[in-house]
Amino acid sequence: MAGTNASGRPGGNPEIKKYSFKPKTNKTFEKFMGVRMSTELYEAIKSVGENYQDQLRAHLEEIYLGKQNNADAD
């Protein structure tokens, strides 16, 4: 319940824009894809660091664009 005494702060946070999520790119990520993988691969990907999602997206994009370019060359 935003704005009530029960919510912890009456009126909400007046500086919410200051702390809101800011994307690194202009692309919107609207779709979700679940992928099954081995525990070893999962741990290896997660060990890349905090931004493993961004790096994984970049690698997938490279693979996709590489296949697209190869198809165009044929």
Protein backbone atom coordinates (compact mmCIF):
# COMPACT_ATOMS: atom_id res chain seq x y z
CA MET A 1 0.00 0.00 0.00
CA ALA A 2 1.95 2.97 -1.24
CA GLY A 3 1.51 6.21 0.63
CA THR A 4 0.00 4.84 3.83
CA ASN A 5 1.54 4.68 7.27
CA ALA A 6 1.63 0.88 6.96
CA SER A 7 3.89 1.12 3.91
CA GLY A 8 6.84 2.45 5.89
CA ARG A 9 7.06 5.89 4.30
CA PRO A 10 4.03 8.07 3.77
CA GLY A 11 3.99 9.51 0.26
CA GLY A 12 6.54 7.06 -1.13
CA ASN A 13 10.05 7.97 -2.26
CA PRO A 14 10.16 11.44 -3.83
CA GLU A 15 13.52 10.66 -5.48
CA ILE A 16 12.49 7.35 -7.06
CA LYS A 17 13.84 8.36 -10.51
CA LYS A 18 17.29 8.84 -8.97
CA TYR A 19 17.43 5.19 -7.87
CA SER A 20 15.47 3.51 -10.67
CA PHE A 21 16.87 0.94 -13.09
CA LYS A 22 18.79 2.46 -16.00
CA PRO A 23 19.45 0.13 -18.98
CA LYS A 24 22.92 0.07 -20.51
CA THR A 25 21.57 -0.05 -24.07
CA ASN A 26 18.59 1.27 -26.00
CA LYS A 27 17.45 -2.29 -26.75
CA THR A 28 14.52 -3.62 -24.79
CA PHE A 29 14.68 -7.18 -23.55
CA GLU A 30 11.05 -8.28 -23.59
CA LYS A 31 11.37 -12.01 -24.16
CA PHE A 32 12.60 -14.72 -21.83
CA MET A 33 14.18 -17.97 -22.94
CA GLY A 34 14.91 -20.79 -20.52
CA VAL A 35 17.74 -23.14 -21.43
CA ARG A 36 18.64 -26.41 -19.76
CA MET A 37 22.36 -26.98 -19.21
CA SER A 38 24.72 -29.02 -17.11
CA THR A 39 25.64 -27.90 -13.61
CA GLU A 40 29.24 -27.40 -14.74
CA LEU A 41 28.25 -25.06 -17.58
CA TYR A 42 25.84 -23.18 -15.32
CA GLU A 43 28.52 -22.60 -12.69
CA ALA A 44 31.05 -21.56 -15.35
CA ILE A 45 28.68 -18.96 -16.79
CA LYS A 46 27.71 -17.61 -13.37
CA SER A 47 31.39 -17.33 -12.39
CA VAL A 48 31.96 -14.77 -15.17
CA GLY A 49 30.75 -12.09 -12.78
CA GLU A 50 27.90 -9.75 -12.07
CA ASN A 51 27.17 -8.97 -15.72
CA TYR A 52 27.13 -12.55 -17.00
CA GLN A 53 23.71 -11.94 -18.58
CA ASP A 54 25.03 -9.13 -20.77
CA GLN A 55 28.04 -11.19 -21.85
CA LEU A 56 25.85 -14.19 -22.63
CA ARG A 57 23.50 -12.01 -24.73
CA ALA A 58 26.50 -10.61 -26.62
CA HIS A 59 27.83 -14.10 -27.40
CA LEU A 60 24.41 -15.29 -28.56
CA GLU A 61 24.12 -12.23 -30.79
CA GLU A 62 27.58 -12.92 -32.26
CA ILE A 63 26.57 -16.50 -33.04
CA TYR A 64 23.31 -15.39 -34.64
CA LEU A 65 24.88 -12.59 -36.67
CA GLY A 66 27.73 -14.88 -37.74
CA LYS A 67 25.26 -17.44 -39.08
CA GLN A 68 23.30 -14.68 -40.79
CA ASN A 69 26.44 -13.35 -42.48
CA ASN A 70 27.44 -16.86 -43.61
CA ALA A 71 23.99 -17.39 -45.13
CA ASP A 72 24.25 -14.06 -46.98
CA ALA A 73 27.63 -15.06 -48.41
CA ASP A 74 26.20 -18.26 -49.98
